[in-house]
Amino acid sequence: MNKFLAGAVAAFGLSAGAASAADEVRLQLQWVTQAQFAGYYVALENGYYEEEDLDVTVLPGGPDIAPPQVLAGGGADAMLNWMPSALAAREKGLPVVNIAQPFKSSGLMLTCWKDTGITGPQDFKGKTIGVWFFGNEYPFLSWMSQEGISTDGGDDGVTVLKQGFNVDPLLQRQADCISTMTYNEFGQVLDAGVSEDELVTFKYEDMGVATLEDGIYVLEENLADPAFKDKMVRFVRASMKGWKWAEENPMEAAMIVLENDETGAQTEAHQVRMMGEIAKLTAGSDGSLDPADFDRTVATLLAGGSDPVITAVPEGAWTSEITDAALN
């Protein structure tokens, strides 16, 4: 009898513990720990996920980590990705769906040496331009197609240099222009001793070819599960609370990011500057995706001439169900 009672008590304890366990969410970042992802680290630090009964693990990315592959392999419940990469993956058979869009504006731009004589896209011909790949090349290729500029080199085209995730090609004069983010690599160029007066920049946002960045994506099949959808509603709500706090408290947000950088590679000055720029990109977003922004992104990607990023307007590539529920 005593053994029975002990077993019953133990079983009750296990079931009670299971009932009160927070729901796990694994978020795959698309790059290393930095202020680009401050909202999620803030939500962790400030207990916003805990308030939503969530146990969130933030998985840093890196040069050898492809978020769509991680998501497809079951290594994460949600990923951050640029929409060009996500839509290309979807067309190739990986059914990813955008459930939230914390970033309203694009931070992508080309940074060029002014002494090359470049004053506009028409001057790119005959020049060497550094471009990130692994899905980041799509906005650039679409832009060049719209400008009627070949990416096969020669006097009438641009020579595309596969750029690593650094600014060395510009500093070493291997490229006339390189890809930079307003919040990261552009600052690295300045930190190297280059004056802004020596540079000319072209923001994709200003050139009319901006595409959506840093959206939250999940696998379409998982959205058929009501429990998963409920978990994502709580995750998005807490994440956006983190983002708004980060916008209002950029210095403190940068410090939280530094505390979560296990590599110790980030510096305070760089993260504070990055957070200031990131706040400009998330400003005006409540997490919901603006259909006009989606349509602009799709139009840009379809305008790829004979080699478009996607070949048709995607169906079911985003849903407002999660953010509608999270915001109400």
Protein backbone atom coordinates (compact mmCIF):
# COMPACT_ATOMS: atom_id res chain seq x y z
CA MET A 1 0.00 0.00 0.00
CA ASN A 2 2.81 2.37 0.89
CA LYS A 3 4.54 1.57 -2.37
CA PHE A 4 1.31 2.30 -4.22
CA LEU A 5 0.86 5.63 -2.48
CA ALA A 6 4.47 6.59 -3.14
CA GLY A 7 4.08 5.72 -6.79
CA ALA A 8 0.89 7.70 -7.05
CA VAL A 9 2.47 10.74 -5.42
CA ALA A 10 5.47 10.51 -7.75
CA ALA A 11 3.22 10.18 -10.79
CA PHE A 12 1.18 13.18 -9.67
CA GLY A 13 4.37 15.19 -9.22
CA LEU A 14 5.53 14.33 -12.72
CA SER A 15 2.20 15.20 -14.31
CA ALA A 16 1.97 18.46 -12.39
CA GLY A 17 5.49 19.38 -13.45
CA ALA A 18 4.71 18.56 -17.08
CA ALA A 19 1.54 20.64 -16.93
CA SER A 20 3.41 23.68 -15.66
CA ALA A 21 6.41 23.36 -17.97
CA ALA A 22 6.85 26.32 -20.28
CA ASP A 23 6.49 25.74 -24.02
CA GLU A 24 9.84 25.50 -25.76
CA VAL A 25 10.69 27.70 -28.75
CA ARG A 26 13.98 27.54 -30.61
CA LEU A 27 14.76 30.61 -32.71
CA GLN A 28 17.52 30.37 -35.34
CA LEU A 29 19.22 33.71 -35.99
CA GLN A 30 20.70 34.38 -39.40
CA TRP A 31 23.97 35.73 -38.03
CA VAL A 32 26.06 35.90 -34.88
CA THR A 33 24.89 37.50 -31.64
CA GLN A 34 24.69 41.26 -32.22
CA ALA A 35 22.29 44.18 -31.86
CA GLN A 36 20.59 43.17 -35.12
CA PHE A 37 18.72 40.70 -32.90
CA ALA A 38 18.42 42.84 -29.78
CA GLY A 39 14.66 42.49 -29.44
CA TYR A 40 14.87 38.76 -28.81
CA TYR A 41 17.66 39.05 -26.26
CA VAL A 42 15.78 41.85 -24.50
CA ALA A 43 12.64 39.70 -24.37
CA LEU A 44 14.73 36.96 -22.76
CA GLU A 45 16.47 39.26 -20.29
CA ASN A 46 13.37 41.21 -19.28
CA GLY A 47 11.27 38.10 -18.77
CA TYR A 48 8.79 38.80 -21.58
CA TYR A 49 8.98 35.21 -22.83
CA GLU A 50 8.60 33.89 -19.33
CA GLU A 51 5.48 36.01 -18.90
CA GLU A 52 4.06 34.23 -21.95
CA ASP A 53 4.95 30.82 -20.47
CA LEU A 54 7.68 30.25 -23.03
CA ASP A 55 11.12 28.71 -22.71
CA VAL A 56 12.98 30.35 -25.60
CA THR A 57 16.41 29.34 -26.86
CA VAL A 58 18.11 31.79 -29.22
CA LEU A 59 20.46 29.96 -31.59
CA PRO A 60 23.23 32.21 -33.01
CA GLY A 61 24.00 31.90 -36.70
CA GLY A 62 27.23 32.25 -38.61
CA PRO A 63 28.86 31.90 -42.02
CA ASP A 64 28.32 28.14 -42.08
CA ILE A 65 24.73 28.15 -40.86
CA ALA A 66 21.82 28.40 -43.31
CA PRO A 67 18.62 29.11 -41.32
CA PRO A 68 16.29 27.51 -43.93
CA GLN A 69 18.27 24.27 -43.68
CA VAL A 70 18.13 24.36 -39.89
CA LEU A 71 14.37 24.91 -40.00
CA ALA A 72 13.86 22.16 -42.59
CA GLY A 73 15.90 19.73 -40.50
CA GLY A 74 13.84 20.35 -37.36
CA GLY A 75 16.65 22.14 -35.57
CA ALA A 76 14.51 25.21 -34.88
CA ASP A 77 10.84 26.13 -34.54
CA ALA A 78 11.28 29.54 -36.18
CA MET A 79 13.99 31.32 -38.09
CA LEU A 80 14.94 34.84 -39.05
CA ASN A 81 15.53 35.34 -42.76
CA TRP A 82 15.54 37.93 -45.49
CA MET A 83 12.42 37.58 -47.62
CA PRO A 84 14.32 37.08 -50.94
CA SER A 85 16.04 34.04 -49.46
CA ALA A 86 12.83 32.75 -47.90
CA LEU A 87 10.76 33.13 -51.07
CA ALA A 88 13.48 31.49 -53.16
CA ALA A 89 13.53 28.58 -50.69
CA ARG A 90 9.74 28.33 -50.81
CA GLU A 91 9.71 28.18 -54.61
CA LYS A 92 12.32 25.43 -54.47
CA GLY A 93 10.10 23.32 -52.24
CA LEU A 94 10.68 24.40 -48.63
CA PRO A 95 7.27 25.71 -47.48
CA VAL A 96 8.32 28.55 -45.19
CA VAL A 97 5.79 31.17 -44.12
CA ASN A 98 6.36 34.67 -42.77
CA ILE A 99 4.41 35.07 -39.52
CA ALA A 100 5.81 38.46 -38.41
CA GLN A 101 7.92 41.31 -39.78
CA PRO A 102 9.69 43.29 -37.02
CA PHE A 103 11.90 45.13 -39.56
CA LYS A 104 9.98 47.79 -41.49
CA SER A 105 12.92 49.15 -43.54
CA SER A 106 15.97 47.70 -45.27
CA GLY A 107 19.49 48.38 -44.02
CA LEU A 108 21.23 47.09 -47.16
CA MET A 109 23.37 49.39 -49.25
CA LEU A 110 26.37 49.55 -51.55
CA THR A 111 29.36 51.53 -50.32
CA CYS A 112 31.73 52.76 -53.04
CA TRP A 113 34.94 54.74 -53.29
CA LYS A 114 34.05 58.22 -54.50
CA ASP A 115 37.30 58.50 -56.48
CA THR A 116 36.07 55.76 -58.84
CA GLY A 117 33.78 58.37 -60.38
CA ILE A 118 30.64 56.48 -59.41
CA THR A 119 27.72 58.84 -58.93
CA GLY A 120 24.84 56.51 -59.77
CA PRO A 121 24.00 53.00 -60.96
CA GLN A 122 24.84 53.97 -64.54
CA ASP A 123 28.46 54.22 -63.43
CA PHE A 124 28.60 50.62 -62.17
CA LYS A 125 29.46 49.35 -65.65
CA GLY A 126 33.02 48.15 -65.85
CA LYS A 127 33.35 48.15 -62.07
CA THR A 128 33.89 45.36 -59.53
CA ILE A 129 31.24 45.09 -56.86
CA GLY A 130 31.37 42.92 -53.76
CA VAL A 131 28.19 40.97 -53.13
CA TRP A 132 27.22 38.63 -50.32
CA PHE A 133 25.83 35.28 -51.40
CA PHE A 134 24.00 32.53 -49.47
CA GLY A 135 20.68 34.19 -50.40
CA ASN A 136 21.84 37.76 -49.83
CA GLU A 137 22.69 38.26 -53.49
CA TYR A 138 19.10 38.26 -54.73
CA PRO A 139 18.27 41.96 -54.18
CA PHE A 140 21.48 43.01 -55.96
CA LEU A 141 20.92 40.73 -58.95
CA SER A 142 17.35 42.00 -59.33
CA TRP A 143 18.53 45.61 -59.09
CA MET A 144 21.12 45.13 -61.83
CA SER A 145 18.55 43.42 -64.02
CA GLN A 146 16.20 46.37 -63.64
CA GLU A 147 19.06 48.71 -64.56
CA GLY A 148 19.84 46.57 -67.61
CA ILE A 149 23.38 45.92 -66.37
CA SER A 150 24.93 42.50 -66.92
CA THR A 151 26.58 40.77 -63.98
CA ASP A 152 28.93 38.82 -66.27
CA GLY A 153 31.71 41.42 -66.22
CA GLY A 154 33.17 43.36 -69.12
CA ASP A 155 32.99 47.04 -69.95
CA ASP A 156 29.18 47.00 -70.18
CA GLY A 157 28.59 44.94 -67.05
CA VAL A 158 29.71 44.58 -63.48
CA THR A 159 32.18 42.05 -62.20
CA VAL A 160 30.64 40.43 -59.14
CA LEU A 161 33.10 39.62 -56.37
CA LYS A 162 31.82 37.02 -53.92
CA GLN A 163 32.29 39.02 -50.78
CA GLY A 164 33.07 37.53 -47.41
CA PHE A 165 31.34 38.99 -44.38
CA ASN A 166 33.92 41.73 -43.95
CA VAL A 167 34.95 44.99 -45.62
CA ASP A 168 38.44 43.97 -46.74
CA PRO A 169 37.68 44.04 -50.51
CA LEU A 170 36.96 47.77 -50.31
CA LEU A 171 39.82 48.65 -48.01
CA GLN A 172 42.27 46.67 -50.12
CA ARG A 173 40.88 48.13 -53.36
CA GLN A 174 39.86 44.71 -54.65
CA ALA A 175 36.40 46.12 -55.31
CA ASP A 176 35.07 49.54 -56.26
CA CYS A 177 31.96 48.96 -54.16
CA ILE A 178 30.97 46.45 -51.51
CA SER A 179 27.77 45.37 -49.82
CA THR A 180 27.30 46.90 -46.38
CA MET A 181 24.54 47.17 -43.82
CA THR A 182 23.77 50.60 -42.41
CA TYR A 183 24.12 49.15 -38.93
CA ASN A 184 27.25 47.05 -39.33
CA GLU A 185 29.79 47.01 -42.16
CA PHE A 186 29.47 50.71 -43.00
CA GLY A 187 30.65 51.47 -39.48
CA GLN A 188 33.51 49.03 -39.94
CA VAL A 189 34.68 50.99 -42.99
CA LEU A 190 34.66 54.21 -40.97
CA ASP A 191 36.44 52.49 -38.08
CA ALA A 192 39.22 51.57 -40.51
CA GLY A 193 40.01 55.27 -40.89
CA VAL A 194 38.00 56.02 -44.02
CA SER A 195 36.17 59.35 -44.07
CA GLU A 196 32.55 59.54 -45.19
CA ASP A 197 33.71 62.21 -47.66
CA GLU A 198 35.71 59.52 -49.45
CA LEU A 199 32.63 57.38 -49.99
CA VAL A 200 29.39 57.35 -51.94
CA THR A 201 26.57 55.10 -50.78
CA PHE A 202 23.42 53.72 -52.38
CA LYS A 203 20.73 52.53 -50.00
CA TYR A 204 18.45 49.92 -51.55
CA GLU A 205 15.57 51.64 -49.76
CA ASP A 206 16.31 54.90 -51.61
CA MET A 207 16.84 53.14 -54.96
CA GLY A 208 13.37 51.59 -54.92
CA VAL A 209 14.67 48.02 -54.80
CA ALA A 210 14.48 47.37 -51.06
CA THR A 211 13.26 43.96 -49.99
CA LEU A 212 12.08 42.88 -46.56
CA GLU A 213 14.71 41.73 -44.08
CA ASP A 214 14.77 39.82 -40.79
CA GLY A 215 11.26 38.42 -40.86
CA ILE A 216 10.16 35.54 -38.62
CA TYR A 217 9.44 32.34 -40.56
CA VAL A 218 8.07 28.92 -39.68
CA LEU A 219 7.20 25.80 -41.66
CA GLU A 220 3.71 25.91 -43.17
CA GLU A 221 2.81 22.44 -41.92
CA ASN A 222 3.36 23.47 -38.31
CA LEU A 223 0.76 26.22 -38.61
CA ALA A 224 -1.88 23.49 -38.97
CA ASP A 225 -1.29 22.66 -35.31
CA PRO A 226 -3.39 24.94 -33.04
CA ALA A 227 -0.94 24.46 -30.15
CA PHE A 228 1.98 25.57 -32.33
CA LYS A 229 0.04 28.60 -33.58
CA ASP A 230 -0.80 29.60 -30.02
CA LYS A 231 2.86 29.27 -29.07
CA MET A 232 3.90 31.49 -31.98
CA VAL A 233 1.30 34.11 -31.05
CA ARG A 234 2.84 34.36 -27.59
CA PHE A 235 6.35 34.32 -29.02
CA VAL A 236 5.67 37.16 -31.46
CA ARG A 237 3.89 39.23 -28.81
CA ALA A 238 6.81 38.92 -26.38
CA SER A 239 9.38 39.49 -29.13
CA MET A 240 7.74 42.71 -30.29
CA LYS A 241 7.57 43.89 -26.69
CA GLY A 242 11.32 43.28 -26.60
CA TRP A 243 11.83 45.22 -29.83
CA LYS A 244 9.89 48.26 -28.68
CA TRP A 245 11.81 48.31 -25.39
CA ALA A 246 15.08 48.08 -27.34
CA GLU A 247 14.06 51.03 -29.54
CA GLU A 248 13.31 53.16 -26.48
CA ASN A 249 16.39 52.02 -24.54
CA PRO A 250 19.12 51.49 -27.15
CA MET A 251 22.07 51.78 -24.77
CA GLU A 252 20.61 49.26 -22.32
CA ALA A 253 19.62 46.96 -25.20
CA ALA A 254 23.18 46.99 -26.53
CA MET A 255 24.45 46.00 -23.08
CA ILE A 256 22.02 43.07 -22.97
CA VAL A 257 23.32 41.90 -26.36
CA LEU A 258 26.90 42.07 -25.09
CA GLU A 259 25.95 39.99 -22.06
CA ASN A 260 24.64 37.30 -24.38
CA ASP A 261 27.66 37.29 -26.70
CA GLU A 262 29.40 34.10 -25.61
CA THR A 263 32.23 34.64 -28.11
CA GLY A 264 33.29 37.94 -26.57
CA ALA A 265 33.94 39.22 -30.09
CA GLN A 266 31.60 42.21 -29.94
CA THR A 267 32.58 45.61 -28.55
CA GLU A 268 30.47 48.08 -26.65
CA ALA A 269 31.04 50.96 -29.08
CA HIS A 270 30.10 48.85 -32.09
CA GLN A 271 26.96 47.41 -30.52
CA VAL A 272 25.75 50.78 -29.26
CA ARG A 273 26.14 52.25 -32.74
CA MET A 274 24.49 49.20 -34.30
CA MET A 275 21.51 49.39 -31.96
CA GLY A 276 21.01 53.05 -32.87
CA GLU A 277 20.81 52.14 -36.56
CA ILE A 278 18.70 49.03 -35.99
CA ALA A 279 16.13 51.11 -34.12
CA LYS A 280 15.60 53.10 -37.33
CA LEU A 281 14.74 49.90 -39.22
CA THR A 282 12.26 48.51 -36.69
CA ALA A 283 10.64 51.90 -36.08
CA GLY A 284 7.04 51.99 -37.23
CA SER A 285 6.60 48.21 -37.11
CA ASP A 286 4.23 46.47 -34.71
CA GLY A 287 5.32 43.12 -36.10
CA SER A 288 2.65 42.83 -38.77
CA LEU A 289 3.65 42.60 -42.42
CA ASP A 290 2.43 45.43 -44.65
CA PRO A 291 1.00 43.87 -47.84
CA ALA A 292 2.44 46.77 -49.85
CA ASP A 293 5.93 45.94 -48.59
CA PHE A 294 5.41 42.30 -49.55
CA ASP A 295 4.19 43.28 -53.04
CA ARG A 296 7.21 45.56 -53.53
CA THR A 297 9.58 42.80 -52.50
CA VAL A 298 7.94 40.31 -54.86
CA ALA A 299 7.97 42.81 -57.74
CA THR A 300 11.67 43.45 -57.19
CA LEU A 301 12.46 39.74 -57.16
CA LEU A 302 10.38 39.01 -60.25
CA ALA A 303 12.18 41.75 -62.20
CA GLY A 304 15.20 39.54 -62.75
CA GLY A 305 15.05 39.39 -66.53
CA SER A 306 15.92 35.94 -67.86
CA ASP A 307 17.05 34.79 -64.41
CA PRO A 308 14.58 36.09 -61.81
CA VAL A 309 14.91 35.18 -58.16
CA ILE A 310 11.38 33.75 -58.22
CA THR A 311 9.34 32.94 -61.31
CA ALA A 312 5.82 33.56 -60.02
CA VAL A 313 3.99 35.50 -57.34
CA PRO A 314 4.08 33.18 -54.31
CA GLU A 315 0.85 32.00 -52.73
CA GLY A 316 0.58 31.48 -48.98
CA ALA A 317 4.06 32.85 -48.29
CA TRP A 318 2.87 34.95 -45.36
CA THR A 319 0.02 35.07 -42.90
CA SER A 320 -1.36 37.79 -40.65
CA GLU A 321 -3.08 35.30 -38.33
CA ILE A 322 -0.25 35.24 -35.81
CA THR A 323 0.26 39.00 -35.55
CA ASP A 324 -3.50 39.65 -35.61
CA ALA A 325 -3.88 37.43 -32.56
CA ALA A 326 -0.73 38.74 -30.89
CA LEU A 327 -1.78 42.38 -31.22
CA ASN A 328 -5.35 41.90 -30.01
